Amino acid sequence: MSNLDLQEWRLRRARGVIEEYIRGVKRRASDINWVLGVLKGAFGVSKDEALMIIESIKNDKIMVLTPERVKRLEELKKIVSNLEW
């Protein structure tokens, strides 16, 4: 697997974790601390990459953003923005 493939895989998985969080699909996925741990630890996503993914989800017309999902996404964005990464 090339470095480009690995980077693309990391970012896609990170997006999936964030989408799980805003949908509240699984019990653990509804825990923001789990999301942050996976992004920072397991996938090694940078703060800028995390914020980029959040913005791309926010602007994705296919991702139906209910008021609850928007609230969870904004909460995640605020926390990521204010964290030391």
Protein backbone atom coordinates (compact mmCIF):
# COMPACT_ATOMS: atom_id res chain seq x y z
CA MET A 1 0.00 0.00 0.00
CA SER A 2 1.48 3.35 -0.98
CA ASN A 3 1.62 6.34 1.36
CA LEU A 4 -1.11 8.04 -0.69
CA ASP A 5 -3.39 5.03 -0.30
CA LEU A 6 -2.71 4.94 3.43
CA GLN A 7 -3.45 8.65 3.81
CA GLU A 8 -6.68 8.33 1.83
CA TRP A 9 -7.72 5.33 3.94
CA ARG A 10 -7.01 7.22 7.19
CA LEU A 11 -9.07 10.22 6.12
CA ARG A 12 -11.99 8.09 4.89
CA ARG A 13 -12.06 6.13 8.14
CA ALA A 14 -11.86 9.38 10.12
CA ARG A 15 -14.82 10.73 8.17
CA GLY A 16 -16.72 7.53 8.91
CA VAL A 17 -16.08 7.92 12.64
CA ILE A 18 -17.33 11.52 12.58
CA GLU A 19 -20.42 10.50 10.60
CA GLU A 20 -21.12 7.72 13.13
CA TYR A 21 -20.83 10.29 15.90
CA ILE A 22 -23.27 12.78 14.39
CA ARG A 23 -25.74 10.00 13.63
CA GLY A 24 -25.30 8.44 17.07
CA VAL A 25 -25.31 5.01 15.43
CA LYS A 26 -23.58 3.00 18.13
CA ARG A 27 -23.34 3.53 21.85
CA ARG A 28 -19.59 4.15 21.77
CA ALA A 29 -19.92 6.34 18.68
CA SER A 30 -22.13 8.73 20.64
CA ASP A 31 -19.24 9.45 23.02
CA ILE A 32 -17.26 12.45 21.83
CA ASN A 33 -14.20 11.33 23.80
CA TRP A 34 -14.17 8.06 21.84
CA VAL A 35 -14.32 10.01 18.58
CA LEU A 36 -11.43 12.26 19.59
CA GLY A 37 -9.37 9.29 20.72
CA VAL A 38 -9.89 7.45 17.46
CA LEU A 39 -9.09 10.51 15.36
CA LYS A 40 -5.95 11.44 17.27
CA GLY A 41 -4.75 8.00 18.24
CA ALA A 42 -5.82 5.25 15.91
CA PHE A 43 -5.83 7.25 12.68
CA GLY A 44 -3.32 9.97 13.55
CA VAL A 45 -5.48 12.69 12.03
CA SER A 46 -4.16 16.22 12.45
CA LYS A 47 -6.32 19.00 13.86
CA ASP A 48 -6.46 20.65 10.43
CA GLU A 49 -7.47 17.38 8.77
CA ALA A 50 -10.22 16.85 11.38
CA LEU A 51 -11.58 20.36 10.83
CA MET A 52 -11.43 19.86 7.05
CA ILE A 53 -13.43 16.63 7.35
CA ILE A 54 -16.00 18.32 9.60
CA GLU A 55 -16.46 21.13 7.06
CA SER A 56 -16.77 18.67 4.17
CA ILE A 57 -19.51 16.78 6.04
CA LYS A 58 -21.27 20.05 6.85
CA ASN A 59 -21.25 21.00 3.15
CA ASP A 60 -22.16 17.55 1.83
CA LYS A 61 -25.64 17.70 0.30
CA ILE A 62 -25.98 13.92 0.43
CA MET A 63 -25.48 13.87 4.20
CA VAL A 64 -28.91 14.81 5.53
CA LEU A 65 -28.17 17.10 8.43
CA THR A 66 -31.01 17.21 10.91
CA PRO A 67 -30.93 19.86 13.65
CA GLU A 68 -29.57 17.23 16.06
CA ARG A 69 -26.79 16.24 13.65
CA VAL A 70 -25.87 19.87 13.02
CA LYS A 71 -25.70 20.43 16.79
CA ARG A 72 -23.42 17.40 17.29
CA LEU A 73 -21.21 18.44 14.36
CA GLU A 74 -20.86 22.00 15.66
CA GLU A 75 -20.09 20.68 19.15
CA LEU A 76 -17.35 18.47 17.72
CA LYS A 77 -15.95 21.33 15.65
CA LYS A 78 -15.82 23.61 18.69
CA ILE A 79 -14.03 21.01 20.79
CA VAL A 80 -11.51 20.13 18.06
CA SER A 81 -10.84 23.83 17.42
CA ASN A 82 -10.12 24.49 21.09
CA LEU A 83 -8.03 21.37 21.81
CA GLU A 84 -4.28 21.18 21.92
CA TRP A 85 -3.64 18.52 19.29
